[in-house]
Amino acid sequence: MSKLETNQVDPSTGTTLTLGTSGDTIAIPSGVTIANSGTATGFGGTNTPAFLAKMGSTQTISTSSTTKLQYDTEVFDTDGKYDNSSNYRFTPTVSGKYQVGMQVRFVGAGLQNVKLFFYKNGSQHKRTEFSQANTSQNQSFAVFTTIIELDADDYIEAYINASGSTTVYGNNDDNYFLAYKLIE
């Protein structure tokens, strides 16, 4: 092995400098710092597809009825993978692990239990439950986040079930549903 010592390497023609050829490994020893002042491409990954949707209008939930939450207003949808008009579901089309979350602001009389669900491919996949005192008018927030592994053609949806007649507020940022791919 030979050693080349220099302070700068420039391409002899054009503007591209190539190190190695296909199949080669470029080793960076432990303790070496790579300082980038330019544009780095082809490294790591991205957190896409990703979306954030909120409710554009108030939704009424019947007592003890598991109901799909209708997040109908997209804040962003990087790849057009969230259906905000009919199915209210996210179909990533890219396999991987996804951080998914929802927040719900609701009010209802006599509420004791509120359950939030993530459905995967039409079936309950993950759930959480909140209990509170039975008062005449309960107004609360519930937040649920988890990581779900999705294949390209899987889809996820957000559901709620409450022990009393419940109103989920719309037209604000208090109710949202989101997902983004984790970089692996």
N, C-alpha and C. Protein backbone atom coordinates (compact mmCIF):
# COMPACT_ATOMS: atom_id res chain seq x y z
N MET A 1 0.86 -1.17 0.00
CA MET A 1 0.00 0.00 0.00
C MET A 1 0.91 1.22 0.00
N SER A 2 0.55 2.18 -0.85
CA SER A 2 1.32 3.42 -0.87
C SER A 2 0.53 4.52 -0.22
N LYS A 3 1.22 5.54 0.21
CA LYS A 3 0.59 6.64 0.94
C LYS A 3 0.81 7.93 0.15
N LEU A 4 -0.28 8.67 -0.06
CA LEU A 4 -0.23 9.96 -0.76
C LEU A 4 -0.50 11.04 0.28
N GLU A 5 0.39 11.99 0.39
CA GLU A 5 0.19 13.10 1.31
C GLU A 5 0.09 14.38 0.51
N THR A 6 -1.02 15.08 0.68
CA THR A 6 -1.25 16.35 -0.03
C THR A 6 -2.30 17.14 0.74
N ASN A 7 -2.43 18.42 0.46
CA ASN A 7 -3.42 19.27 1.13
C ASN A 7 -4.68 19.46 0.31
N GLN A 8 -4.61 19.20 -0.99
CA GLN A 8 -5.79 19.39 -1.83
C GLN A 8 -5.69 18.51 -3.05
N VAL A 9 -6.84 17.93 -3.45
CA VAL A 9 -6.91 17.14 -4.68
C VAL A 9 -8.00 17.74 -5.53
N ASP A 10 -7.67 18.10 -6.77
CA ASP A 10 -8.64 18.66 -7.71
C ASP A 10 -8.72 17.76 -8.94
N PRO A 11 -9.88 17.71 -9.60
CA PRO A 11 -9.98 16.92 -10.84
C PRO A 11 -9.13 17.56 -11.94
N SER A 12 -8.54 16.73 -12.78
CA SER A 12 -7.70 17.26 -13.86
C SER A 12 -8.54 17.89 -14.97
N THR A 13 -9.77 17.37 -15.17
CA THR A 13 -10.70 17.97 -16.13
C THR A 13 -12.08 17.97 -15.53
N GLY A 14 -12.93 18.87 -15.95
CA GLY A 14 -14.31 18.92 -15.47
C GLY A 14 -14.39 19.35 -14.00
N THR A 15 -15.50 18.98 -13.37
CA THR A 15 -15.73 19.41 -11.99
C THR A 15 -16.03 18.25 -11.05
N THR A 16 -15.82 17.00 -11.52
CA THR A 16 -16.10 15.84 -10.67
C THR A 16 -14.80 15.12 -10.36
N LEU A 17 -14.60 14.84 -9.07
CA LEU A 17 -13.46 14.06 -8.62
C LEU A 17 -14.01 12.73 -8.12
N THR A 18 -13.52 11.63 -8.66
CA THR A 18 -14.00 10.31 -8.30
C THR A 18 -12.94 9.61 -7.47
N LEU A 19 -13.35 9.05 -6.33
CA LEU A 19 -12.45 8.25 -5.50
C LEU A 19 -12.87 6.80 -5.64
N GLY A 20 -11.98 5.95 -6.12
CA GLY A 20 -12.27 4.54 -6.27
C GLY A 20 -13.19 4.26 -7.44
N THR A 21 -13.48 2.96 -7.59
CA THR A 21 -14.40 2.51 -8.64
C THR A 21 -15.46 1.63 -7.99
N SER A 22 -16.46 1.26 -8.76
CA SER A 22 -17.56 0.46 -8.25
C SER A 22 -17.04 -0.79 -7.54
N GLY A 23 -17.52 -1.04 -6.34
CA GLY A 23 -17.10 -2.19 -5.55
C GLY A 23 -15.99 -1.88 -4.56
N ASP A 24 -15.34 -0.74 -4.70
CA ASP A 24 -14.28 -0.35 -3.76
C ASP A 24 -14.89 0.14 -2.46
N THR A 25 -14.10 0.07 -1.40
CA THR A 25 -14.49 0.62 -0.11
C THR A 25 -13.51 1.72 0.25
N ILE A 26 -14.03 2.88 0.60
CA ILE A 26 -13.19 3.98 1.07
C ILE A 26 -13.29 3.97 2.60
N ALA A 27 -12.18 3.73 3.28
CA ALA A 27 -12.18 3.62 4.74
C ALA A 27 -11.81 4.96 5.36
N ILE A 28 -12.60 5.39 6.32
CA ILE A 28 -12.32 6.59 7.10
C ILE A 28 -11.94 6.10 8.50
N PRO A 29 -10.69 6.26 8.91
CA PRO A 29 -10.28 5.71 10.21
C PRO A 29 -10.95 6.41 11.39
N SER A 30 -11.02 5.70 12.51
CA SER A 30 -11.56 6.23 13.75
C SER A 30 -10.79 7.49 14.15
N GLY A 31 -11.51 8.49 14.61
CA GLY A 31 -10.88 9.73 15.05
C GLY A 31 -10.77 10.79 13.97
N VAL A 32 -11.07 10.42 12.71
CA VAL A 32 -11.01 11.38 11.60
C VAL A 32 -12.32 12.16 11.56
N THR A 33 -12.23 13.46 11.37
CA THR A 33 -13.41 14.30 11.23
C THR A 33 -13.59 14.68 9.77
N ILE A 34 -14.80 14.51 9.27
CA ILE A 34 -15.13 14.94 7.91
C ILE A 34 -15.88 16.26 8.04
N ALA A 35 -15.32 17.33 7.51
CA ALA A 35 -15.95 18.65 7.59
C ALA A 35 -16.54 18.98 6.22
N ASN A 36 -17.83 19.23 6.17
CA ASN A 36 -18.51 19.53 4.92
C ASN A 36 -18.93 20.98 4.89
N SER A 37 -18.41 21.73 3.93
CA SER A 37 -18.84 23.11 3.73
C SER A 37 -19.67 23.25 2.47
N GLY A 38 -19.84 22.15 1.75
CA GLY A 38 -20.60 22.18 0.51
C GLY A 38 -21.92 21.45 0.65
N THR A 39 -22.37 20.86 -0.43
CA THR A 39 -23.63 20.11 -0.45
C THR A 39 -23.32 18.63 -0.38
N ALA A 40 -23.92 17.93 0.57
CA ALA A 40 -23.74 16.49 0.70
C ALA A 40 -24.96 15.80 0.11
N THR A 41 -24.74 14.89 -0.83
CA THR A 41 -25.85 14.14 -1.42
C THR A 41 -25.54 12.66 -1.33
N GLY A 42 -26.59 11.85 -1.27
CA GLY A 42 -26.42 10.41 -1.25
C GLY A 42 -26.07 9.83 0.10
N PHE A 43 -26.09 10.62 1.15
CA PHE A 43 -25.78 10.13 2.50
C PHE A 43 -27.06 10.01 3.30
N GLY A 44 -27.12 9.03 4.20
CA GLY A 44 -28.26 8.93 5.11
C GLY A 44 -29.56 8.66 4.38
N GLY A 45 -30.62 9.25 4.85
CA GLY A 45 -31.93 9.05 4.25
C GLY A 45 -32.80 10.26 4.54
N THR A 46 -34.07 10.10 4.25
CA THR A 46 -35.01 11.18 4.52
C THR A 46 -36.16 10.65 5.36
N ASN A 47 -36.85 11.54 6.03
CA ASN A 47 -38.02 11.17 6.83
C ASN A 47 -39.29 11.30 6.00
N THR A 48 -39.25 10.79 4.78
CA THR A 48 -40.41 10.84 3.91
C THR A 48 -40.71 9.43 3.41
N PRO A 49 -41.97 9.15 3.12
CA PRO A 49 -43.09 10.08 3.09
C PRO A 49 -43.50 10.52 4.51
N ALA A 50 -44.13 11.68 4.54
CA ALA A 50 -44.58 12.25 5.80
C ALA A 50 -45.82 13.10 5.55
N PHE A 51 -46.68 13.19 6.58
CA PHE A 51 -47.85 14.06 6.46
C PHE A 51 -48.24 14.58 7.83
N LEU A 52 -48.98 15.68 7.82
CA LEU A 52 -49.62 16.23 9.01
C LEU A 52 -50.98 16.74 8.56
N ALA A 53 -52.03 16.25 9.20
CA ALA A 53 -53.40 16.66 8.86
C ALA A 53 -54.12 17.07 10.14
N LYS A 54 -55.07 17.96 10.00
CA LYS A 54 -55.89 18.38 11.14
C LYS A 54 -57.36 18.34 10.73
N MET A 55 -58.23 18.58 11.70
CA MET A 55 -59.66 18.57 11.43
C MET A 55 -60.13 19.94 11.01
N GLY A 56 -60.85 19.99 9.91
CA GLY A 56 -61.39 21.25 9.43
C GLY A 56 -62.74 21.59 10.04
N SER A 57 -63.40 20.59 10.61
CA SER A 57 -64.71 20.83 11.23
C SER A 57 -64.88 19.88 12.42
N THR A 58 -65.85 20.22 13.27
CA THR A 58 -66.13 19.45 14.46
C THR A 58 -66.74 18.10 14.09
N GLN A 59 -66.39 17.05 14.85
CA GLN A 59 -66.91 15.71 14.59
C GLN A 59 -67.58 15.20 15.87
N THR A 60 -68.79 14.69 15.74
CA THR A 60 -69.53 14.14 16.88
C THR A 60 -69.33 12.63 16.92
N ILE A 61 -69.01 12.12 18.13
CA ILE A 61 -68.77 10.70 18.33
C ILE A 61 -69.87 10.14 19.23
N SER A 62 -70.55 9.11 18.79
CA SER A 62 -71.61 8.49 19.59
C SER A 62 -71.02 7.72 20.77
N THR A 63 -71.80 7.60 21.84
CA THR A 63 -71.38 6.90 23.05
C THR A 63 -70.91 5.48 22.75
N SER A 64 -69.72 5.15 23.24
CA SER A 64 -69.13 3.80 23.13
C SER A 64 -69.09 3.26 21.70
N SER A 65 -68.96 4.16 20.76
CA SER A 65 -68.87 3.78 19.36
C SER A 65 -67.45 4.07 18.85
N THR A 66 -66.78 3.05 18.34
CA THR A 66 -65.45 3.25 17.78
C THR A 66 -65.61 3.90 16.41
N THR A 67 -65.07 5.11 16.30
CA THR A 67 -65.32 5.95 15.14
C THR A 67 -64.00 6.45 14.55
N LYS A 68 -63.91 6.38 13.21
CA LYS A 68 -62.72 6.90 12.54
C LYS A 68 -62.72 8.42 12.64
N LEU A 69 -61.56 8.98 13.02
CA LEU A 69 -61.41 10.43 13.08
C LEU A 69 -61.13 10.97 11.68
N GLN A 70 -61.84 12.03 11.32
CA GLN A 70 -61.78 12.56 9.96
C GLN A 70 -60.89 13.80 9.90
N TYR A 71 -59.59 13.54 9.79
CA TYR A 71 -58.61 14.62 9.64
C TYR A 71 -58.59 15.00 8.17
N ASP A 72 -59.33 16.05 7.85
CA ASP A 72 -59.62 16.37 6.45
C ASP A 72 -58.84 17.56 5.87
N THR A 73 -57.97 18.17 6.65
CA THR A 73 -57.21 19.33 6.18
C THR A 73 -55.72 19.04 6.28
N GLU A 74 -55.07 18.92 5.13
CA GLU A 74 -53.64 18.64 5.14
C GLU A 74 -52.86 19.91 5.45
N VAL A 75 -51.95 19.82 6.40
CA VAL A 75 -50.98 20.89 6.65
C VAL A 75 -49.83 20.70 5.67
N PHE A 76 -49.37 19.44 5.55
CA PHE A 76 -48.43 19.06 4.49
C PHE A 76 -48.55 17.57 4.23
N ASP A 77 -48.16 17.17 3.05
CA ASP A 77 -48.17 15.77 2.64
C ASP A 77 -47.07 15.63 1.59
N THR A 78 -45.87 15.24 2.02
CA THR A 78 -44.68 15.30 1.16
C THR A 78 -44.81 14.52 -0.14
N ASP A 79 -45.53 13.43 -0.11
CA ASP A 79 -45.59 12.56 -1.29
C ASP A 79 -47.01 12.24 -1.73
N GLY A 80 -48.00 12.97 -1.19
CA GLY A 80 -49.39 12.73 -1.57
C GLY A 80 -49.90 11.37 -1.13
N LYS A 81 -49.47 10.89 0.03
CA LYS A 81 -49.83 9.54 0.49
C LYS A 81 -50.95 9.54 1.53
N TYR A 82 -51.43 10.71 1.94
CA TYR A 82 -52.53 10.78 2.90
C TYR A 82 -53.81 11.14 2.16
N ASP A 83 -54.86 10.36 2.37
CA ASP A 83 -56.17 10.62 1.76
C ASP A 83 -56.99 11.45 2.75
N ASN A 84 -57.14 12.73 2.47
CA ASN A 84 -57.86 13.64 3.37
C ASN A 84 -59.30 13.90 2.94
N SER A 85 -59.79 13.15 1.94
CA SER A 85 -61.12 13.47 1.43
C SER A 85 -62.16 12.35 1.60
N SER A 86 -61.73 11.09 1.69
CA SER A 86 -62.73 10.04 1.80
C SER A 86 -62.36 8.96 2.82
N ASN A 87 -61.15 8.42 2.76
CA ASN A 87 -60.76 7.33 3.65
C ASN A 87 -60.00 7.78 4.89
N TYR A 88 -59.46 8.98 4.86
CA TYR A 88 -58.71 9.54 6.00
C TYR A 88 -57.66 8.55 6.48
N ARG A 89 -56.84 8.10 5.54
CA ARG A 89 -55.81 7.11 5.84
C ARG A 89 -54.50 7.45 5.16
N PHE A 90 -53.43 6.92 5.74
CA PHE A 90 -52.08 7.10 5.22
C PHE A 90 -51.60 5.77 4.66
N THR A 91 -51.24 5.76 3.37
CA THR A 91 -50.68 4.59 2.71
C THR A 91 -49.30 4.99 2.23
N PRO A 92 -48.23 4.56 2.90
CA PRO A 92 -46.91 5.12 2.63
C PRO A 92 -46.30 4.79 1.27
N THR A 93 -46.57 3.62 0.72
CA THR A 93 -45.97 3.09 -0.50
C THR A 93 -44.45 2.91 -0.39
N VAL A 94 -43.89 3.13 0.79
CA VAL A 94 -42.47 2.88 1.06
C VAL A 94 -42.42 2.09 2.38
N SER A 95 -41.87 0.90 2.35
CA SER A 95 -41.79 0.07 3.56
C SER A 95 -40.81 0.68 4.55
N GLY A 96 -41.09 0.49 5.84
CA GLY A 96 -40.18 0.96 6.87
C GLY A 96 -40.89 1.15 8.19
N LYS A 97 -40.15 1.69 9.15
CA LYS A 97 -40.72 2.01 10.46
C LYS A 97 -41.17 3.47 10.43
N TYR A 98 -42.37 3.73 10.96
CA TYR A 98 -42.96 5.06 10.93
C TYR A 98 -43.33 5.51 12.34
N GLN A 99 -42.99 6.74 12.65
CA GLN A 99 -43.50 7.39 13.85
C GLN A 99 -44.89 7.90 13.48
N VAL A 100 -45.90 7.50 14.23
CA VAL A 100 -47.26 7.96 13.99
C VAL A 100 -47.79 8.59 15.26
N GLY A 101 -48.64 9.58 15.11
CA GLY A 101 -49.18 10.23 16.29
C GLY A 101 -50.50 10.92 16.01
N MET A 102 -51.22 11.14 17.09
CA MET A 102 -52.46 11.92 16.99
C MET A 102 -52.67 12.66 18.30
N GLN A 103 -53.33 13.78 18.20
CA GLN A 103 -53.80 14.52 19.36
C GLN A 103 -55.26 14.84 19.13
N VAL A 104 -56.07 14.67 20.19
CA VAL A 104 -57.50 14.90 20.09
C VAL A 104 -57.93 15.81 21.23
N ARG A 105 -58.63 16.88 20.90
CA ARG A 105 -59.25 17.75 21.90
C ARG A 105 -60.75 17.50 21.83
N PHE A 106 -61.33 17.10 22.96
CA PHE A 106 -62.73 16.69 22.95
C PHE A 106 -63.45 17.20 24.19
N VAL A 107 -64.77 17.21 24.10
CA VAL A 107 -65.62 17.57 25.22
C VAL A 107 -66.81 16.63 25.20
N GLY A 108 -67.27 16.24 26.40
CA GLY A 108 -68.43 15.35 26.47
C GLY A 108 -68.95 15.27 27.88
N ALA A 109 -70.21 14.97 28.01
CA ALA A 109 -70.83 14.84 29.32
C ALA A 109 -70.63 13.43 29.85
N GLY A 110 -70.22 13.32 31.11
CA GLY A 110 -70.10 12.03 31.76
C GLY A 110 -69.00 11.14 31.24
N LEU A 111 -67.97 11.72 30.66
CA LEU A 111 -66.88 10.90 30.13
C LEU A 111 -66.05 10.31 31.25
N GLN A 112 -65.82 9.02 31.18
CA GLN A 112 -64.93 8.35 32.12
C GLN A 112 -63.75 7.72 31.40
N ASN A 113 -63.98 7.20 30.22
CA ASN A 113 -62.92 6.54 29.46
C ASN A 113 -62.92 7.02 28.02
N VAL A 114 -61.72 7.28 27.52
CA VAL A 114 -61.54 7.61 26.11
C VAL A 114 -60.40 6.73 25.60
N LYS A 115 -60.65 6.04 24.51
CA LYS A 115 -59.65 5.18 23.90
C LYS A 115 -59.28 5.74 22.54
N LEU A 116 -58.00 5.75 22.25
CA LEU A 116 -57.51 6.13 20.93
C LEU A 116 -56.87 4.89 20.31
N PHE A 117 -57.07 4.72 19.01
CA PHE A 117 -56.58 3.55 18.29
C PHE A 117 -55.87 3.97 17.02
N PHE A 118 -54.85 3.19 16.66
CA PHE A 118 -54.32 3.20 15.30
C PHE A 118 -54.74 1.88 14.69
N TYR A 119 -55.44 1.96 13.58
CA TYR A 119 -55.81 0.78 12.83
C TYR A 119 -54.79 0.60 11.71
N LYS A 120 -54.42 -0.65 11.47
CA LYS A 120 -53.52 -0.99 10.36
C LYS A 120 -54.28 -1.94 9.46
N ASN A 121 -54.44 -1.55 8.21
CA ASN A 121 -55.15 -2.36 7.21
C ASN A 121 -56.56 -2.75 7.67
N GLY A 122 -57.24 -1.82 8.34
CA GLY A 122 -58.64 -2.01 8.72
C GLY A 122 -58.87 -2.70 10.05
N SER A 123 -57.79 -3.08 10.76
CA SER A 123 -57.95 -3.76 12.05
C SER A 123 -57.17 -3.00 13.13
N GLN A 124 -57.70 -3.09 14.35
CA GLN A 124 -57.03 -2.44 15.47
C GLN A 124 -55.60 -2.97 15.60
N HIS A 125 -54.63 -2.04 15.70
CA HIS A 125 -53.22 -2.43 15.78
C HIS A 125 -52.59 -1.98 17.10
N LYS A 126 -52.79 -0.73 17.47
CA LYS A 126 -52.28 -0.16 18.72
C LYS A 126 -53.38 0.66 19.36
N ARG A 127 -53.37 0.70 20.72
CA ARG A 127 -54.39 1.51 21.39
C ARG A 127 -53.84 2.04 22.69
N THR A 128 -54.49 3.10 23.16
CA THR A 128 -54.21 3.64 24.49
C THR A 128 -55.54 4.06 25.08
N GLU A 129 -55.59 4.15 26.40
CA GLU A 129 -56.85 4.49 27.09
C GLU A 129 -56.57 5.54 28.15
N PHE A 130 -57.49 6.50 28.23
CA PHE A 130 -57.42 7.57 29.23
C PHE A 130 -58.65 7.47 30.10
N SER A 131 -58.47 7.56 31.41
CA SER A 131 -59.59 7.58 32.35
C SER A 131 -59.61 8.91 33.06
N GLN A 132 -60.80 9.39 33.37
CA GLN A 132 -60.94 10.67 34.08
C GLN A 132 -62.20 10.64 34.91
N ALA A 133 -62.33 11.62 35.77
CA ALA A 133 -63.49 11.71 36.66
C ALA A 133 -64.76 11.94 35.85
N ASN A 134 -65.86 11.42 36.33
CA ASN A 134 -67.15 11.58 35.68
C ASN A 134 -67.77 12.89 36.16
N THR A 135 -67.64 13.92 35.36
CA THR A 135 -68.23 15.22 35.69
C THR A 135 -69.23 15.59 34.62
N SER A 136 -69.92 16.69 34.83
CA SER A 136 -70.97 17.07 33.88
C SER A 136 -70.43 17.50 32.53
N GLN A 137 -69.26 18.06 32.47
CA GLN A 137 -68.71 18.54 31.20
C GLN A 137 -67.19 18.39 31.22
N ASN A 138 -66.68 17.31 30.64
CA ASN A 138 -65.24 17.05 30.60
C ASN A 138 -64.67 17.57 29.29
N GLN A 139 -63.66 18.41 29.40
CA GLN A 139 -62.94 18.84 28.21
C GLN A 139 -61.49 18.44 28.41
N SER A 140 -60.93 17.72 27.46
CA SER A 140 -59.59 17.19 27.62
C SER A 140 -58.87 17.11 26.29
N PHE A 141 -57.58 16.83 26.44
CA PHE A 141 -56.72 16.49 25.31
C PHE A 141 -56.24 15.07 25.54
N ALA A 142 -56.08 14.33 24.47
CA ALA A 142 -55.46 13.02 24.53
C ALA A 142 -54.42 12.96 23.41
N VAL A 143 -53.25 12.45 23.74
CA VAL A 143 -52.15 12.34 22.78
C VAL A 143 -51.71 10.89 22.74
N PHE A 144 -51.46 10.39 21.54
CA PHE A 144 -51.02 9.01 21.37
C PHE A 144 -49.98 8.97 20.26
N THR A 145 -48.78 8.48 20.58
CA THR A 145 -47.74 8.30 19.58
C THR A 145 -47.13 6.91 19.74
N THR A 146 -46.68 6.36 18.64
CA THR A 146 -46.05 5.04 18.64
C THR A 146 -45.25 4.89 17.35
N ILE A 147 -44.54 3.80 17.27
CA ILE A 147 -43.82 3.44 16.05
C ILE A 147 -44.49 2.19 15.48
N ILE A 148 -44.80 2.23 14.19
CA ILE A 148 -45.46 1.11 13.52
C ILE A 148 -44.65 0.75 12.28
N GLU A 149 -44.38 -0.54 12.12
CA GLU A 149 -43.71 -1.00 10.90
C GLU A 149 -44.76 -1.20 9.82
N LEU A 150 -44.52 -0.58 8.67
CA LEU A 150 -45.48 -0.64 7.57
C LEU A 150 -44.81 -1.16 6.30
N ASP A 151 -45.52 -2.03 5.60
CA ASP A 151 -45.11 -2.41 4.25
C ASP A 151 -45.64 -1.35 3.30
N ALA A 152 -45.16 -1.37 2.08
CA ALA A 152 -45.51 -0.33 1.11
C ALA A 152 -47.01 -0.18 0.90
N ASP A 153 -47.76 -1.29 0.92
CA ASP A 153 -49.20 -1.22 0.64
C ASP A 153 -50.07 -1.22 1.90
N ASP A 154 -49.47 -1.17 3.09
CA ASP A 154 -50.24 -1.06 4.33
C ASP A 154 -50.84 0.34 4.43
N TYR A 155 -51.84 0.48 5.30
CA TYR A 155 -52.37 1.81 5.59
C TYR A 155 -52.73 1.92 7.06
N ILE A 156 -52.69 3.14 7.58
CA ILE A 156 -53.05 3.37 8.97
C ILE A 156 -54.14 4.44 9.04
N GLU A 157 -54.97 4.31 10.09
CA GLU A 157 -56.08 5.23 10.32
C GLU A 157 -56.15 5.52 11.82
N ALA A 158 -56.78 6.64 12.18
CA ALA A 158 -56.93 7.04 13.59
C ALA A 158 -58.40 6.89 14.00
N TYR A 159 -58.62 6.27 15.16
CA TYR A 159 -59.98 6.04 15.68
C TYR A 159 -60.07 6.49 17.13
N ILE A 160 -61.32 6.72 17.58
CA ILE A 160 -61.61 7.07 18.96
C ILE A 160 -62.83 6.30 19.43
N ASN A 161 -62.87 6.01 20.74
CA ASN A 161 -64.04 5.43 21.38
C ASN A 161 -64.15 6.10 22.75
N ALA A 162 -65.31 6.65 23.08
CA ALA A 162 -65.50 7.35 24.35
C ALA A 162 -66.72 6.81 25.07
N SER A 163 -66.68 6.85 26.41
CA SER A 163 -67.76 6.30 27.22
C SER A 163 -69.02 7.16 27.22
N GLY A 164 -68.94 8.36 26.69
CA GLY A 164 -70.11 9.23 26.60
C GLY A 164 -70.14 9.93 25.26
N SER A 165 -71.26 10.55 24.94
CA SER A 165 -71.37 11.31 23.70
C SER A 165 -70.30 12.39 23.71
N THR A 166 -69.53 12.48 22.64
CA THR A 166 -68.33 13.31 22.62
C THR A 166 -68.30 14.17 21.37
N THR A 167 -67.78 15.36 21.52
CA THR A 167 -67.54 16.24 20.39
C THR A 167 -66.03 16.45 20.27
N VAL A 168 -65.50 16.19 19.09
CA VAL A 168 -64.09 16.45 18.81
C VAL A 168 -64.04 17.76 18.04
N TYR A 169 -63.31 18.73 18.60
CA TYR A 169 -63.27 20.07 18.02
C TYR A 169 -62.54 20.09 16.69
N GLY A 170 -63.05 20.89 15.77
CA GLY A 170 -62.40 21.11 14.50
C GLY A 170 -61.98 22.55 14.36
N ASN A 171 -61.46 22.89 13.20
CA ASN A 171 -61.05 24.26 12.86
C ASN A 171 -60.01 24.82 13.81
N ASN A 172 -59.10 24.00 14.28
CA ASN A 172 -58.01 24.49 15.10
C ASN A 172 -56.84 23.52 15.01
N ASP A 173 -55.75 23.86 15.65
CA ASP A 173 -54.56 23.03 15.61
C ASP A 173 -54.50 22.03 16.75
N ASP A 174 -55.60 21.90 17.52
CA ASP A 174 -55.62 21.00 18.67
C ASP A 174 -55.82 19.55 18.28
N ASN A 175 -56.27 19.28 17.09
CA ASN A 175 -56.52 17.91 16.62
C ASN A 175 -55.68 17.64 15.40
N TYR A 176 -54.79 16.67 15.51
CA TYR A 176 -53.95 16.36 14.36
C TYR A 176 -53.62 14.88 14.32
N PHE A 177 -53.22 14.46 13.13
CA PHE A 177 -52.81 13.09 12.84
C PHE A 177 -51.58 13.23 11.97
N LEU A 178 -50.52 12.46 12.29
CA LEU A 178 -49.27 12.62 11.54
C LEU A 178 -48.54 11.29 11.43
N ALA A 179 -47.65 11.21 10.48
CA ALA A 179 -46.74 10.07 10.34
C ALA A 179 -45.54 10.52 9.53
N TYR A 180 -44.40 9.92 9.84
CA TYR A 180 -43.21 10.13 9.02
C TYR A 180 -42.31 8.90 9.13
N LYS A 181 -41.59 8.63 8.05
CA LYS A 181 -40.70 7.48 8.00
C LYS A 181 -39.46 7.77 8.82
N LEU A 182 -39.05 6.78 9.62
CA LEU A 182 -37.81 6.90 10.37
C LEU A 182 -36.63 6.52 9.47
N ILE A 183 -35.55 7.24 9.59
CA ILE A 183 -34.35 6.91 8.83
C ILE A 183 -33.71 5.70 9.49
N GLU A 184 -33.48 4.66 8.71
CA GLU A 184 -32.89 3.43 9.26
C GLU A 184 -31.49 3.23 8.74
